[in-house]
Amino acid sequence: MRRAKSIPGDDPISTFLSTRRDGEPLGHEEVVGLSRVCWAEVSTRWRAAMSFSACFLAGRPAHRRQLIDQPELIPYAVEELLRRYGIANNGASRQEDFEYKGMFFHAAK
């Protein structure tokens, strides 16, 4: 539907829709597959960050009470909790160039 409407954006799905391989746009199944992988990765990391944050607040009633009494602090608390308990992405890198199922992967420099 988004492809048919040609609605550009700066989000990952727009990037997938505008990606070309050998001059051709990615197929519907490829875009859906990439979107699912991204969603799974984001949701896993979000759940982990939320779990660590909930554990922090559960063990510190004074902090929890401060956020209840001063809800204007919540945006700052969220930012700080994500900074403190965010999940780092340790990406894999390749030592040499290789090809897999017609796709070429470059070595990390």
Protein backbone atom coordinates (compact mmCIF):
# COMPACT_ATOMS: atom_id res chain seq x y z
CA MET A 1 0.00 0.00 0.00
CA ARG A 2 2.79 2.47 0.87
CA ARG A 3 4.64 1.57 -2.29
CA ALA A 4 1.52 2.17 -4.38
CA LYS A 5 0.96 5.56 -2.77
CA SER A 6 4.66 6.51 -3.15
CA ILE A 7 4.75 8.13 0.27
CA PRO A 8 8.43 8.87 0.98
CA GLY A 9 9.72 8.92 4.51
CA ASP A 10 12.90 8.63 6.53
CA ASP A 11 11.88 5.47 8.39
CA PRO A 12 13.29 1.96 7.80
CA ILE A 13 10.29 0.74 5.78
CA SER A 14 10.64 3.68 3.39
CA THR A 15 14.31 2.78 3.02
CA PHE A 16 13.42 -0.84 2.21
CA LEU A 17 10.81 0.31 -0.30
CA SER A 18 13.28 2.60 -2.06
CA THR A 19 16.14 0.07 -2.09
CA ARG A 20 17.07 -1.35 -5.48
CA ARG A 21 18.98 -4.51 -6.32
CA ASP A 22 20.24 -4.75 -9.87
CA GLY A 23 18.04 -1.75 -10.68
CA GLU A 24 14.85 -3.42 -9.45
CA PRO A 25 12.96 -2.61 -6.24
CA LEU A 26 12.86 -5.24 -3.52
CA GLY A 27 9.87 -7.55 -3.71
CA HIS A 28 7.00 -7.49 -1.25
CA GLU A 29 8.27 -10.58 0.59
CA GLU A 30 11.74 -9.07 0.96
CA VAL A 31 10.38 -5.81 2.37
CA VAL A 32 8.10 -7.68 4.78
CA GLY A 33 10.98 -9.95 5.84
CA LEU A 34 13.35 -7.05 6.49
CA SER A 35 10.60 -5.23 8.40
CA ARG A 36 10.00 -8.28 10.60
CA VAL A 37 13.70 -8.63 11.39
CA CYS A 38 13.89 -4.95 12.36
CA TRP A 39 10.76 -5.17 14.49
CA ALA A 40 12.03 -8.28 16.26
CA GLU A 41 15.35 -6.61 17.01
CA VAL A 42 13.79 -3.38 18.24
CA SER A 43 11.13 -5.11 20.34
CA THR A 44 13.72 -7.40 21.96
CA ARG A 45 15.94 -4.48 22.89
CA TRP A 46 12.99 -2.39 24.09
CA ARG A 47 11.71 -5.20 26.31
CA ALA A 48 15.17 -5.65 27.83
CA ALA A 49 15.58 -1.92 28.51
CA MET A 50 12.09 -1.73 30.05
CA SER A 51 12.79 -4.78 32.24
CA PHE A 52 16.02 -3.29 33.61
CA SER A 53 14.25 0.02 34.23
CA ALA A 54 11.35 -1.69 36.02
CA CYS A 55 13.80 -3.61 38.23
CA PHE A 56 15.61 -0.37 39.06
CA LEU A 57 12.38 1.35 40.09
CA ALA A 58 11.08 -1.70 41.95
CA GLY A 59 14.18 -1.69 44.15
CA ARG A 60 14.15 2.04 44.80
CA PRO A 61 10.82 3.18 46.24
CA ALA A 62 12.09 6.75 46.82
CA HIS A 63 12.81 7.17 43.10
CA ARG A 64 9.45 5.68 42.21
CA ARG A 65 7.66 7.99 44.66
CA GLN A 66 9.52 11.00 43.24
CA LEU A 67 8.21 10.19 39.74
CA ILE A 68 4.67 9.74 41.07
CA ASP A 69 4.83 13.06 42.95
CA GLN A 70 6.61 14.93 40.14
CA PRO A 71 5.40 13.48 36.81
CA GLU A 72 7.19 16.28 34.93
CA LEU A 73 10.41 14.38 35.72
CA ILE A 74 9.29 11.27 33.82
CA PRO A 75 10.77 12.30 30.43
CA TYR A 76 14.15 12.91 32.08
CA ALA A 77 13.91 9.64 34.01
CA VAL A 78 13.12 7.71 30.82
CA GLU A 79 16.11 9.27 29.07
CA GLU A 80 18.41 8.51 31.98
CA LEU A 81 17.14 4.94 32.42
CA LEU A 82 17.62 4.25 28.69
CA ARG A 83 21.11 5.72 28.89
CA ARG A 84 21.94 3.66 31.97
CA TYR A 85 20.23 0.42 30.98
CA GLY A 86 20.21 0.64 27.20
CA ILE A 87 21.26 -2.45 25.33
CA ALA A 88 24.39 -2.01 23.22
CA ASN A 89 24.49 -3.41 19.71
CA ASN A 90 27.62 -5.44 19.18
CA GLY A 91 27.45 -5.99 15.44
CA ALA A 92 29.36 -8.71 13.65
CA SER A 93 32.09 -7.82 11.20
CA ARG A 94 33.66 -9.77 8.40
CA GLN A 95 37.39 -10.37 8.11
CA GLU A 96 37.31 -10.87 4.33
CA ASP A 97 34.99 -10.25 1.39
CA PHE A 98 32.60 -13.08 0.53
CA GLU A 99 29.50 -13.85 -1.47
CA TYR A 100 26.43 -15.65 -0.13
CA LYS A 101 23.42 -16.58 -2.28
CA GLY A 102 24.28 -13.93 -4.82
CA MET A 103 24.86 -11.15 -2.28
CA PHE A 104 28.33 -9.70 -1.83
CA PHE A 105 29.56 -8.80 1.67
CA HIS A 106 32.58 -6.56 2.14
CA ALA A 107 35.15 -7.05 4.88
CA ALA A 108 35.18 -4.57 7.72
CA LYS A 109 37.88 -1.95 7.27
